[in-house]
Amino acid sequence: METNYGILSLLPILLTIGLAIKTRKVIVSLLAGVFTGVLILVGGNPMTAVTTLLKDFVLAQLLDSYNAGVILLLVFIGGFVTLVEKSGAAETLNRSVAKIINNRHKTQIAAWIGGIIVFFSDLGTPLIVGPVFTPLFKKMRISKEKLAWILDTTASPVCILIPFIGWGVYSMGLIQTELDALNITHITDFNAFVSAIPFQFYAILSLLLVPIVAISGREFSAMAKAEQRAMQGVFSTLEDGVEERQEMILNNDASPLLLLIPLLVLFVTLFGLLIPQGFPFTPVPGSAFRISLMTGYLFGAISLILLMKFFKLKSLSDGISMYISGCGKLFDVIMMLVLAWSLSSAGKLLGTSSYIVQLAQDNIPAWSIPAIIFLIAALISFSTGTSWGTFAIMMPIAIPMAIALGAPLYVTIAAVLSGGLFGDHCSPVSDTTILSATGATCGLIDHVKTQLPYALITGSISLMGFVIAGIYESVIVTLLCILMLIAVYYALSKTKIGTKIANLTIEEIENLERLESAK
């Protein structure tokens, strides 16, 4: 039975947020928050708090059948993604795509498509797509800053829209915990996540901004200056050692089939198991969905190991070793998820959500909750550099508030995801920000300075979208945000690289280089 400890119930979550912002160590912050909550529950005895934390919270979360299924699925995903990254399959597929590019427009669009193709790994996108397009971007006189922005924009924003990869599985795990705590049985984690997708304004707008910029040839702020320098043959530099790091993931002997066949096997297995159960017209139990995903990822991994043996890239033993090592790759994420579940459980016993709702009931209108959640999530993720940690902190607050105060649930869930993404995109300490700069061989600060104005455009429009969607929950709001994005970008991008320059082909650029060399 939930007991309300009053203002004391806020201490664990406030401590978690404060430490996360101060230290940028989300696991440590979550652990401190959970321990504080348990300490309050047991009456202040530290030793009892430790044993209770391990037995009744951490171990209880691991023994829960739903949680165990999510953890096991993340293990399967980690193994599959590691095989894809180390085989060089995605990199080879991107090289094949790059062969049909012949002007600056197509180069940027191709990099955008390449990032979308590598949808299964936000960290893999910059290190797979980046090395493929870096030489081509330089040849086409497109700045490294532009490539870094495209890599960053096709990493997390793509992953957060897909329910059957690590991002979706992790988010659904957090959502289901709150639905169970509120005894909501008519909504599943999968339905909630999918229903929130149209309202993930930041991810959708970020992805659409890339082709808008590429096709229009218009730039503004620091990116315009970077593009002008690149057209003059001046590119930013990066620290020594990065090129060597990139070369480690390249495999010139790999075939695009190494990626295409395992993905085909994955999807055929997944939908082959789900369709007989009525998917997508009939809701499929979450356990059946997770089992289907595990089977798909397992069969996909097996097919990739066999293909690496067939193409004489790796032995079966090496492939199996790579897979096993990859299975432990998401250990930090699993730790974060278990602690987030534990924090949510402690908060339920403390009555945290009830107390927050009581405070908000007469002071915060329901329509404003998605916008407020978006801003708080953006602040936390900017300060900590992590989207996933932000989701873990904010989801236990957002869902109970939405249910109790009558705010649109799916819009509120989307606000948590969009806010976490927005802050992470702007943060110089984010892993995807750092890796995107690395993949493009671009200076980190150069990448942050050039990406920030674009992120602020999409973030500001997203905030407006959450205000409107808080009042009127409809996909029409998403369409309105897209129109606002196009209008605002065209209004701000007064600097135009020029249609003539933007349409230059490889041959024309080579002629330009010869003329410059002759001078």
Protein backbone atom coordinates (compact mmCIF):
# COMPACT_ATOMS: atom_id res chain seq x y z
CA MET A 1 0.00 0.00 0.00
CA GLU A 2 1.36 3.41 -0.96
CA THR A 3 2.18 5.75 1.94
CA ASN A 4 2.63 9.47 1.47
CA TYR A 5 5.74 10.79 3.23
CA GLY A 6 5.02 14.36 2.17
CA ILE A 7 7.90 16.56 1.07
CA LEU A 8 10.37 13.89 2.21
CA SER A 9 9.17 11.71 -0.69
CA LEU A 10 10.74 14.18 -3.13
CA LEU A 11 14.24 13.75 -1.70
CA PRO A 12 15.27 10.62 -3.72
CA ILE A 13 14.24 12.06 -7.10
CA LEU A 14 15.67 15.52 -6.34
CA LEU A 15 18.93 13.97 -5.20
CA THR A 16 19.06 11.82 -8.34
CA ILE A 17 18.48 14.81 -10.63
CA GLY A 18 20.92 17.04 -8.72
CA LEU A 19 23.71 14.49 -8.67
CA ALA A 20 23.13 13.61 -12.33
CA ILE A 21 23.50 17.25 -13.32
CA LYS A 22 26.49 17.81 -11.04
CA THR A 23 28.46 14.61 -11.68
CA ARG A 24 27.09 13.52 -15.10
CA LYS A 25 27.23 9.95 -13.71
CA VAL A 26 23.68 8.67 -14.04
CA ILE A 27 24.24 5.19 -12.54
CA VAL A 28 25.83 6.66 -9.41
CA SER A 29 23.05 9.25 -9.19
CA LEU A 30 20.30 6.63 -9.54
CA LEU A 31 21.98 4.44 -6.93
CA ALA A 32 22.22 7.36 -4.50
CA GLY A 33 18.56 8.20 -5.10
CA VAL A 34 17.38 4.62 -4.57
CA PHE A 35 19.48 4.23 -1.41
CA THR A 36 18.10 7.48 0.01
CA GLY A 37 14.55 6.35 -0.68
CA VAL A 38 15.12 2.97 0.98
CA LEU A 39 16.87 4.69 3.89
CA ILE A 40 13.72 6.75 4.48
CA LEU A 41 11.51 3.67 4.21
CA VAL A 42 13.49 1.65 6.81
CA GLY A 43 13.66 4.49 9.31
CA GLY A 44 17.23 5.68 8.76
CA ASN A 45 19.28 2.55 9.51
CA PRO A 46 22.07 2.43 6.87
CA MET A 47 22.85 -1.30 7.21
CA THR A 48 19.19 -2.27 6.99
CA ALA A 49 18.86 0.09 4.01
CA VAL A 50 21.69 -1.69 2.14
CA THR A 51 20.30 -5.19 2.69
CA THR A 52 16.76 -4.06 1.89
CA LEU A 53 17.97 -2.29 -1.26
CA LEU A 54 19.69 -5.42 -2.55
CA LYS A 55 16.98 -7.90 -1.53
CA ASP A 56 13.67 -6.10 -1.94
CA PHE A 57 14.53 -3.72 -4.77
CA VAL A 58 17.48 -4.71 -7.01
CA LEU A 59 17.01 -8.48 -6.73
CA ALA A 60 13.23 -8.12 -6.91
CA GLN A 61 13.56 -6.21 -10.19
CA LEU A 62 15.84 -8.89 -11.63
CA LEU A 63 13.43 -11.68 -10.63
CA ASP A 64 10.41 -9.96 -12.15
CA SER A 65 9.48 -11.85 -15.32
CA TYR A 66 8.80 -8.72 -17.37
CA ASN A 67 12.06 -7.06 -16.33
CA ALA A 68 14.03 -10.26 -16.95
CA GLY A 69 12.58 -10.41 -20.47
CA VAL A 70 13.63 -6.83 -21.21
CA ILE A 71 17.15 -7.45 -19.87
CA LEU A 72 17.54 -10.63 -21.91
CA LEU A 73 16.32 -8.84 -25.04
CA LEU A 74 18.93 -6.10 -24.52
CA VAL A 75 21.59 -8.83 -24.28
CA PHE A 76 20.50 -10.26 -27.66
CA ILE A 77 20.47 -6.78 -29.21
CA GLY A 78 23.96 -6.01 -27.90
CA GLY A 79 25.36 -9.17 -29.47
CA PHE A 80 23.73 -8.54 -32.87
CA VAL A 81 24.80 -4.88 -33.05
CA THR A 82 28.39 -5.78 -32.18
CA LEU A 83 28.51 -8.33 -34.99
CA VAL A 84 27.19 -5.80 -37.51
CA GLU A 85 29.64 -3.11 -36.42
CA LYS A 86 32.73 -5.35 -36.38
CA SER A 87 31.93 -7.19 -39.61
CA GLY A 88 32.05 -3.96 -41.64
CA ALA A 89 28.70 -4.86 -43.25
CA ALA A 90 26.95 -1.52 -42.81
CA GLU A 91 30.05 0.39 -43.87
CA THR A 92 30.22 -1.62 -47.10
CA LEU A 93 26.54 -1.01 -47.84
CA ASN A 94 27.09 2.71 -47.40
CA ARG A 95 30.07 2.58 -49.77
CA SER A 96 27.82 1.01 -52.40
CA VAL A 97 25.29 3.81 -51.97
CA ALA A 98 28.05 6.41 -52.26
CA LYS A 99 28.92 5.27 -55.81
CA ILE A 100 25.79 6.86 -57.32
CA ILE A 101 26.42 10.34 -55.85
CA ASN A 102 27.50 13.11 -58.21
CA ASN A 103 26.65 16.48 -56.60
CA ARG A 104 26.49 18.26 -53.23
CA HIS A 105 22.74 17.79 -52.81
CA LYS A 106 22.94 14.04 -53.36
CA THR A 107 26.00 13.73 -51.13
CA GLN A 108 24.19 15.17 -48.12
CA ILE A 109 21.00 13.22 -48.82
CA ALA A 110 23.02 10.00 -49.23
CA ALA A 111 24.72 10.52 -45.86
CA TRP A 112 21.26 11.11 -44.36
CA ILE A 113 19.95 7.89 -45.92
CA GLY A 114 23.08 6.04 -44.77
CA GLY A 115 22.43 7.15 -41.20
CA ILE A 116 18.82 5.95 -41.41
CA ILE A 117 19.96 2.58 -42.78
CA VAL A 118 22.08 2.05 -39.65
CA PHE A 119 18.93 2.44 -37.53
CA PHE A 120 19.89 -0.25 -35.03
CA SER A 121 22.73 1.61 -33.31
CA ASP A 122 22.95 5.30 -32.40
CA LEU A 123 26.63 4.93 -31.51
CA GLY A 124 27.32 2.84 -34.60
CA THR A 125 25.91 5.45 -37.01
CA PRO A 126 28.73 8.03 -36.71
CA LEU A 127 31.51 5.43 -36.72
CA ILE A 128 30.06 3.48 -39.64
CA VAL A 129 28.64 6.22 -41.87
CA GLY A 130 31.21 8.89 -40.98
CA PRO A 131 34.34 7.24 -42.42
CA VAL A 132 32.44 6.34 -45.61
CA PHE A 133 31.36 9.89 -46.39
CA THR A 134 34.27 11.92 -44.99
CA PRO A 135 36.36 11.67 -48.20
CA LEU A 136 33.33 12.32 -50.41
CA PHE A 137 32.26 15.36 -48.38
CA LYS A 138 35.77 16.77 -48.68
CA LYS A 139 35.78 16.09 -52.42
CA MET A 140 32.42 17.85 -52.80
CA ARG A 141 33.62 20.72 -50.58
CA ILE A 142 31.03 20.17 -47.88
CA SER A 143 32.18 21.00 -44.38
CA LYS A 144 33.05 18.40 -41.77
CA GLU A 145 30.69 20.27 -39.46
CA LYS A 146 27.82 19.54 -41.84
CA LEU A 147 28.69 15.83 -41.90
CA ALA A 148 28.93 15.73 -38.09
CA TRP A 149 25.48 17.34 -37.84
CA ILE A 150 23.97 14.83 -40.28
CA LEU A 151 25.57 11.93 -38.37
CA ASP A 152 24.26 13.22 -35.04
CA THR A 153 20.80 13.85 -36.50
CA THR A 154 20.48 10.34 -37.94
CA ALA A 155 21.70 8.60 -34.79
CA SER A 156 19.44 9.01 -31.74
CA PRO A 157 16.48 10.64 -33.58
CA VAL A 158 16.14 7.55 -35.78
CA CYS A 159 16.60 5.06 -32.94
CA ILE A 160 13.99 6.67 -30.67
CA LEU A 161 11.27 6.17 -33.30
CA ILE A 162 11.74 2.40 -33.61
CA PRO A 163 10.11 0.12 -31.02
CA PHE A 164 12.02 -3.08 -31.75
CA ILE A 165 15.60 -1.93 -31.06
CA GLY A 166 17.38 -1.10 -27.80
CA TRP A 167 15.96 2.42 -27.49
CA GLY A 168 12.38 1.26 -27.86
CA VAL A 169 12.78 -1.78 -25.64
CA TYR A 170 14.40 0.32 -22.90
CA SER A 171 11.72 3.02 -23.09
CA MET A 172 8.90 0.47 -23.08
CA GLY A 173 10.41 -1.11 -19.99
CA LEU A 174 10.17 2.21 -18.16
CA ILE A 175 6.65 2.84 -19.44
CA GLN A 176 5.36 -0.59 -18.42
CA THR A 177 6.67 -0.16 -14.87
CA GLU A 178 4.58 2.99 -14.44
CA LEU A 179 1.49 1.46 -16.07
CA ASP A 180 1.73 -1.50 -13.70
CA ALA A 181 2.19 0.79 -10.70
CA LEU A 182 -0.99 2.65 -11.66
CA ASN A 183 -2.87 -0.63 -12.33
CA ILE A 184 -3.49 0.36 -15.96
CA THR A 185 -4.21 -2.83 -17.89
CA HIS A 186 -5.96 -1.56 -21.02
CA ILE A 187 -2.73 0.00 -22.37
CA THR A 188 0.40 -2.03 -23.14
CA ASP A 189 3.93 -0.68 -23.22
CA PHE A 190 4.09 -1.32 -26.98
CA ASN A 191 0.82 0.51 -27.69
CA ALA A 192 1.88 3.44 -25.54
CA PHE A 193 5.26 3.75 -27.26
CA VAL A 194 3.84 3.46 -30.78
CA SER A 195 1.01 5.90 -29.99
CA ALA A 196 3.58 8.43 -28.75
CA ILE A 197 5.63 8.29 -31.99
CA PRO A 198 3.59 10.93 -33.90
CA PHE A 199 4.18 13.35 -31.01
CA GLN A 200 7.94 12.87 -30.84
CA PHE A 201 8.30 16.29 -32.38
CA TYR A 202 12.03 16.77 -31.83
CA ALA A 203 13.07 13.50 -33.47
CA ILE A 204 10.71 13.96 -36.43
CA LEU A 205 11.64 17.59 -37.05
CA SER A 206 15.38 16.91 -36.70
CA LEU A 207 15.21 14.15 -39.30
CA LEU A 208 13.22 16.30 -41.73
CA LEU A 209 15.52 19.29 -41.35
CA VAL A 210 18.43 17.48 -43.03
CA PRO A 211 16.79 17.12 -46.49
CA ILE A 212 15.34 20.64 -46.14
CA VAL A 213 18.85 22.04 -45.65
CA ALA A 214 20.43 19.80 -48.28
CA ILE A 215 17.89 20.55 -51.01
CA SER A 216 17.54 24.27 -50.32
CA GLY A 217 21.28 24.98 -50.22
CA ARG A 218 20.53 27.56 -47.50
CA GLU A 219 22.54 27.89 -44.29
CA PHE A 220 22.74 30.27 -41.37
CA SER A 221 24.83 31.05 -38.30
CA ALA A 222 28.05 29.08 -37.68
CA MET A 223 27.15 26.39 -40.21
CA ALA A 224 27.00 28.96 -43.01
CA LYS A 225 30.53 30.10 -42.15
CA ALA A 226 31.78 26.51 -42.05
CA GLU A 227 30.24 25.81 -45.48
CA GLN A 228 31.76 28.95 -46.95
CA ARG A 229 35.19 27.92 -45.66
CA ALA A 230 34.72 24.43 -47.10
CA MET A 231 33.88 25.85 -50.53
CA GLN A 232 37.25 27.60 -50.36
CA GLY A 233 38.94 24.30 -49.56
CA VAL A 234 39.44 25.08 -45.85
CA PHE A 235 38.31 22.32 -43.46
CA SER A 236 38.37 21.99 -39.69
CA THR A 237 40.87 19.64 -38.09
CA LEU A 238 40.69 17.08 -35.33
CA GLU A 239 43.12 15.68 -32.77
CA ASP A 240 45.56 12.93 -33.70
CA GLY A 241 44.47 9.34 -33.19
CA VAL A 242 40.93 9.61 -34.51
CA GLU A 243 41.76 8.36 -37.99
CA GLU A 244 43.29 5.23 -36.49
CA ARG A 245 40.14 4.65 -34.46
CA GLN A 246 38.03 4.89 -37.59
CA GLU A 247 40.17 2.48 -39.56
CA MET A 248 39.53 -0.20 -36.96
CA ILE A 249 35.90 -0.54 -38.06
CA LEU A 250 36.54 -0.56 -41.82
CA ASN A 251 36.54 -3.85 -43.71
CA ASN A 252 37.04 -3.51 -47.45
CA ASP A 253 36.41 -7.22 -48.04
CA ALA A 254 32.91 -7.13 -46.57
CA SER A 255 29.81 -7.48 -48.75
CA PRO A 256 26.58 -5.48 -48.38
CA LEU A 257 24.86 -8.86 -48.08
CA LEU A 258 26.40 -9.13 -44.62
CA LEU A 259 23.91 -6.51 -43.46
CA LEU A 260 21.00 -7.09 -45.84
CA ILE A 261 20.58 -10.84 -45.25
CA PRO A 262 20.72 -10.73 -41.41
CA LEU A 263 18.25 -7.83 -41.35
CA LEU A 264 15.96 -9.75 -43.72
CA VAL A 265 16.23 -12.82 -41.48
CA LEU A 266 15.50 -10.66 -38.42
CA PHE A 267 12.37 -9.09 -39.90
CA VAL A 268 11.03 -12.28 -41.52
CA THR A 269 11.42 -14.09 -38.19
CA LEU A 270 9.87 -11.23 -36.22
CA PHE A 271 6.82 -10.74 -38.40
CA GLY A 272 6.53 -14.47 -39.14
CA LEU A 273 6.01 -15.05 -35.41
CA LEU A 274 3.79 -12.00 -34.80
CA ILE A 275 1.41 -12.06 -37.79
CA PRO A 276 -0.20 -15.42 -36.83
CA GLN A 277 -1.04 -13.77 -33.48
CA GLY A 278 -2.95 -10.98 -35.23
CA PHE A 279 -0.22 -8.34 -35.47
CA PRO A 280 -0.53 -5.48 -36.36
CA PHE A 281 -4.36 -5.44 -36.24
CA THR A 282 -4.70 -7.16 -32.88
CA PRO A 283 -2.68 -6.19 -29.78
CA VAL A 284 0.02 -8.78 -29.14
CA PRO A 285 0.99 -9.53 -25.52
CA GLY A 286 4.26 -7.88 -24.52
CA SER A 287 5.84 -11.23 -23.64
CA ALA A 288 5.09 -12.60 -27.12
CA PHE A 289 6.50 -9.47 -28.72
CA ARG A 290 9.74 -9.75 -26.72
CA ILE A 291 10.13 -13.46 -27.45
CA SER A 292 9.65 -12.77 -31.17
CA LEU A 293 12.28 -10.03 -31.02
CA MET A 294 14.76 -12.26 -29.18
CA THR A 295 14.25 -15.00 -31.75
CA GLY A 296 14.66 -12.55 -34.63
CA TYR A 297 17.88 -11.07 -33.23
CA LEU A 298 19.25 -14.54 -32.46
CA PHE A 299 18.55 -15.87 -35.98
CA GLY A 300 19.91 -12.63 -37.46
CA ALA A 301 23.13 -13.04 -35.47
CA ILE A 302 23.49 -16.71 -36.47
CA SER A 303 23.05 -15.83 -40.15
CA LEU A 304 25.66 -13.07 -39.86
CA ILE A 305 28.18 -15.39 -38.19
CA LEU A 306 27.66 -17.93 -41.00
CA LEU A 307 28.02 -15.21 -43.67
CA MET A 308 31.29 -13.99 -42.14
CA LYS A 309 32.53 -17.58 -42.39
CA PHE A 310 31.22 -17.90 -45.98
CA PHE A 311 32.97 -14.68 -47.10
CA LYS A 312 36.13 -15.79 -45.22
CA LEU A 313 36.12 -12.70 -43.00
CA LYS A 314 36.01 -14.52 -39.67
CA SER A 315 36.02 -18.09 -38.47
CA LEU A 316 32.96 -19.51 -36.73
CA SER A 317 34.86 -19.42 -33.45
CA ASP A 318 35.77 -15.74 -33.91
CA GLY A 319 32.21 -14.87 -34.85
CA ILE A 320 30.80 -16.60 -31.78
CA SER A 321 33.39 -14.85 -29.57
CA MET A 322 32.42 -11.47 -31.04
CA TYR A 323 28.77 -12.22 -30.37
CA ILE A 324 29.36 -13.27 -26.78
CA SER A 325 31.46 -10.18 -26.06
CA GLY A 326 28.74 -8.02 -27.60
CA CYS A 327 26.09 -9.58 -25.36
CA GLY A 328 27.71 -7.80 -22.42
CA LYS A 329 28.05 -4.51 -24.27
CA LEU A 330 24.87 -3.03 -22.79
CA PHE A 331 25.71 -3.87 -19.18
CA ASP A 332 25.76 -0.19 -18.18
CA VAL A 333 22.35 0.28 -19.78
CA ILE A 334 20.97 -2.75 -17.93
CA MET A 335 22.36 -1.40 -14.63
CA MET A 336 20.71 1.94 -15.33
CA LEU A 337 17.42 0.27 -16.15
CA VAL A 338 17.40 -1.90 -12.99
CA LEU A 339 18.18 1.12 -10.81
CA ALA A 340 15.48 3.16 -12.57
CA TRP A 341 12.96 0.41 -11.85
CA SER A 342 14.14 0.34 -8.23
CA LEU A 343 13.82 4.12 -7.93
CA SER A 344 10.30 3.94 -9.31
CA SER A 345 9.43 1.20 -6.82
CA ALA A 346 10.85 3.20 -3.91
CA GLY A 347 9.00 6.29 -5.11
CA LYS A 348 5.74 4.35 -5.19
CA LEU A 349 6.20 3.25 -1.57
CA LEU A 350 7.10 6.80 -0.57
CA GLY A 351 4.09 8.25 -2.39
CA THR A 352 6.27 10.54 -4.53
CA SER A 353 3.94 10.72 -7.51
CA SER A 354 0.89 11.30 -5.27
CA TYR A 355 2.64 14.17 -3.54
CA ILE A 356 3.74 15.76 -6.83
CA VAL A 357 0.19 15.45 -8.16
CA GLN A 358 -1.18 17.10 -5.01
CA LEU A 359 1.23 20.01 -5.45
CA ALA A 360 0.42 20.36 -9.13
CA GLN A 361 -3.32 19.83 -8.96
CA ASP A 362 -4.25 23.41 -8.18
CA ASN A 363 -1.18 25.11 -9.65
CA ILE A 364 -0.38 23.55 -13.02
CA PRO A 365 -2.98 23.28 -15.81
CA ALA A 366 -3.08 19.84 -17.42
CA TRP A 367 -2.39 21.17 -20.91
CA SER A 368 0.99 22.61 -19.80
CA ILE A 369 2.38 19.35 -18.40
CA PRO A 370 3.89 17.99 -21.68
CA ALA A 371 5.71 21.30 -22.29
CA ILE A 372 7.02 21.44 -18.70
CA ILE A 373 8.17 17.80 -18.85
CA PHE A 374 9.92 18.52 -22.17
CA LEU A 375 11.86 21.45 -20.69
CA ILE A 376 12.90 19.59 -17.53
CA ALA A 377 13.99 16.53 -19.52
CA ALA A 378 15.98 18.76 -21.89
CA LEU A 379 17.77 20.41 -18.94
CA ILE A 380 18.69 17.09 -17.36
CA SER A 381 19.91 15.50 -20.61
CA PHE A 382 21.91 18.59 -21.56
CA SER A 383 23.63 18.59 -18.19
CA THR A 384 24.27 14.85 -18.04
CA GLY A 385 24.81 14.12 -21.73
CA THR A 386 22.54 11.08 -21.61
CA SER A 387 19.07 10.52 -23.04
CA TRP A 388 18.56 7.12 -21.44
CA GLY A 389 19.38 8.36 -17.96
CA THR A 390 16.93 11.21 -18.45
CA PHE A 391 14.19 8.78 -19.50
CA ALA A 392 14.86 6.75 -16.36
CA ILE A 393 14.54 9.81 -14.14
CA MET A 394 11.58 11.49 -15.82
CA MET A 395 9.25 8.65 -16.85
CA PRO A 396 8.26 7.81 -13.22
CA ILE A 397 7.30 11.47 -12.75
CA ALA A 398 5.64 12.18 -16.10
CA ILE A 399 3.25 9.23 -16.46
CA PRO A 400 1.62 9.49 -13.00
CA MET A 401 1.24 13.26 -13.45
CA ALA A 402 -0.41 12.82 -16.83
CA ILE A 403 -2.85 10.20 -15.55
CA ALA A 404 -3.76 12.04 -12.35
CA LEU A 405 -4.11 15.52 -13.83
CA GLY A 406 -5.76 14.52 -17.10
CA ALA A 407 -2.90 15.50 -19.42
CA PRO A 408 -2.68 13.57 -22.72
CA LEU A 409 -0.67 10.45 -21.82
CA TYR A 410 0.95 9.73 -25.19
CA VAL A 411 1.95 13.36 -25.66
CA THR A 412 3.50 13.39 -22.18
CA ILE A 413 5.48 10.20 -22.90
CA ALA A 414 6.67 11.77 -26.15
CA ALA A 415 7.68 14.91 -24.21
CA VAL A 416 10.00 12.83 -22.01
CA LEU A 417 11.58 11.18 -25.07
CA SER A 418 11.84 14.42 -27.08
CA GLY A 419 13.20 16.42 -24.16
CA GLY A 420 15.83 13.80 -23.42
CA LEU A 421 16.84 13.81 -27.07
CA PHE A 422 16.92 17.61 -27.42
CA GLY A 423 19.21 18.18 -24.43
CA ASP A 424 21.44 15.29 -25.44
CA HIS A 425 21.75 16.73 -28.96
CA CYS A 426 22.93 20.08 -27.60
CA SER A 427 25.27 18.69 -24.96
CA PRO A 428 29.04 18.69 -25.53
CA VAL A 429 29.38 15.78 -23.07
CA SER A 430 26.96 13.49 -24.90
CA ASP A 431 28.46 10.28 -26.30
CA THR A 432 26.65 10.69 -29.63
CA THR A 433 27.86 14.31 -29.89
CA ILE A 434 31.45 13.24 -29.30
CA LEU A 435 31.26 10.25 -31.65
CA SER A 436 29.58 12.29 -34.40
CA ALA A 437 32.47 14.76 -34.28
CA THR A 438 34.87 11.81 -34.29
CA GLY A 439 33.17 10.08 -37.22
CA ALA A 440 33.35 13.26 -39.30
CA THR A 441 36.92 14.06 -38.15
CA CYS A 442 35.52 17.38 -36.96
CA GLY A 443 36.48 19.30 -33.84
CA LEU A 444 34.02 18.71 -30.99
CA ILE A 445 33.48 22.40 -30.23
CA ASP A 446 33.10 23.13 -33.96
CA HIS A 447 30.39 20.46 -34.13
CA VAL A 448 28.57 21.77 -31.04
CA LYS A 449 28.67 25.40 -32.25
CA THR A 450 27.34 24.58 -35.71
CA GLN A 451 24.70 22.07 -34.59
CA LEU A 452 23.32 24.12 -31.68
CA PRO A 453 21.42 26.73 -33.79
CA TYR A 454 19.70 23.96 -35.77
CA ALA A 455 18.86 22.06 -32.57
CA LEU A 456 17.43 25.23 -31.02
CA ILE A 457 15.13 25.72 -34.02
CA THR A 458 13.70 22.20 -33.79
CA GLY A 459 13.66 22.35 -29.97
CA SER A 460 11.72 25.64 -29.90
CA ILE A 461 9.17 24.41 -32.41
CA SER A 462 8.88 21.15 -30.46
CA LEU A 463 8.12 23.13 -27.29
CA MET A 464 5.35 24.98 -29.13
CA GLY A 465 4.10 21.64 -30.42
CA PHE A 466 3.82 20.25 -26.89
CA VAL A 467 1.90 23.32 -25.75
CA ILE A 468 -0.58 22.89 -28.62
CA ALA A 469 -0.75 19.08 -28.29
CA GLY A 470 -1.42 19.49 -24.57
CA ILE A 471 -4.63 21.25 -25.57
CA TYR A 472 -5.44 19.42 -28.79
CA GLU A 473 -4.05 15.87 -29.04
CA SER A 474 -3.92 15.25 -32.78
CA VAL A 475 -1.45 14.33 -35.52
CA ILE A 476 -2.46 17.65 -37.10
CA VAL A 477 -0.14 19.27 -34.53
CA THR A 478 2.77 17.31 -36.00
CA LEU A 479 1.94 18.55 -39.50
CA LEU A 480 1.71 22.10 -38.14
CA CYS A 481 5.16 21.75 -36.55
CA ILE A 482 6.61 20.58 -39.86
CA LEU A 483 5.18 23.61 -41.65
CA MET A 484 6.56 25.88 -38.91
CA LEU A 485 9.98 24.24 -39.29
CA ILE A 486 10.08 24.96 -43.04
CA ALA A 487 8.89 28.55 -42.57
CA VAL A 488 11.25 29.34 -39.68
CA TYR A 489 14.27 27.81 -41.37
CA TYR A 490 13.70 29.72 -44.59
CA ALA A 491 13.21 32.93 -42.60
CA LEU A 492 16.45 32.47 -40.65
CA SER A 493 18.69 31.04 -43.38
CA LYS A 494 19.51 34.30 -45.14
CA THR A 495 22.92 32.98 -46.20
CA LYS A 496 22.55 30.84 -49.28
CA ILE A 497 25.56 28.89 -50.48
CA GLY A 498 24.01 29.35 -53.89
CA THR A 499 22.15 27.11 -56.27
CA LYS A 500 25.02 27.20 -58.73
CA ILE A 501 27.52 26.03 -56.14
CA ALA A 502 25.11 23.65 -54.43
CA ASN A 503 24.50 21.86 -57.72
CA LEU A 504 28.16 21.44 -58.63
CA THR A 505 29.00 17.93 -59.80
CA ILE A 506 32.21 16.05 -59.02
CA GLU A 507 33.60 16.90 -62.48
CA GLU A 508 32.86 20.62 -62.05
CA ILE A 509 34.49 20.67 -58.63
CA GLU A 510 37.57 18.90 -60.03
CA ASN A 511 37.78 21.55 -62.77
CA LEU A 512 37.48 24.25 -60.09
CA GLU A 513 40.34 22.65 -58.15
CA ARG A 514 42.52 22.54 -61.28
CA LEU A 515 41.88 26.23 -61.92
CA GLU A 516 42.76 27.08 -58.33
CA SER A 517 45.93 25.01 -58.53
CA ALA A 518 46.92 26.81 -61.75
CA LYS A 519 46.69 30.12 -59.92
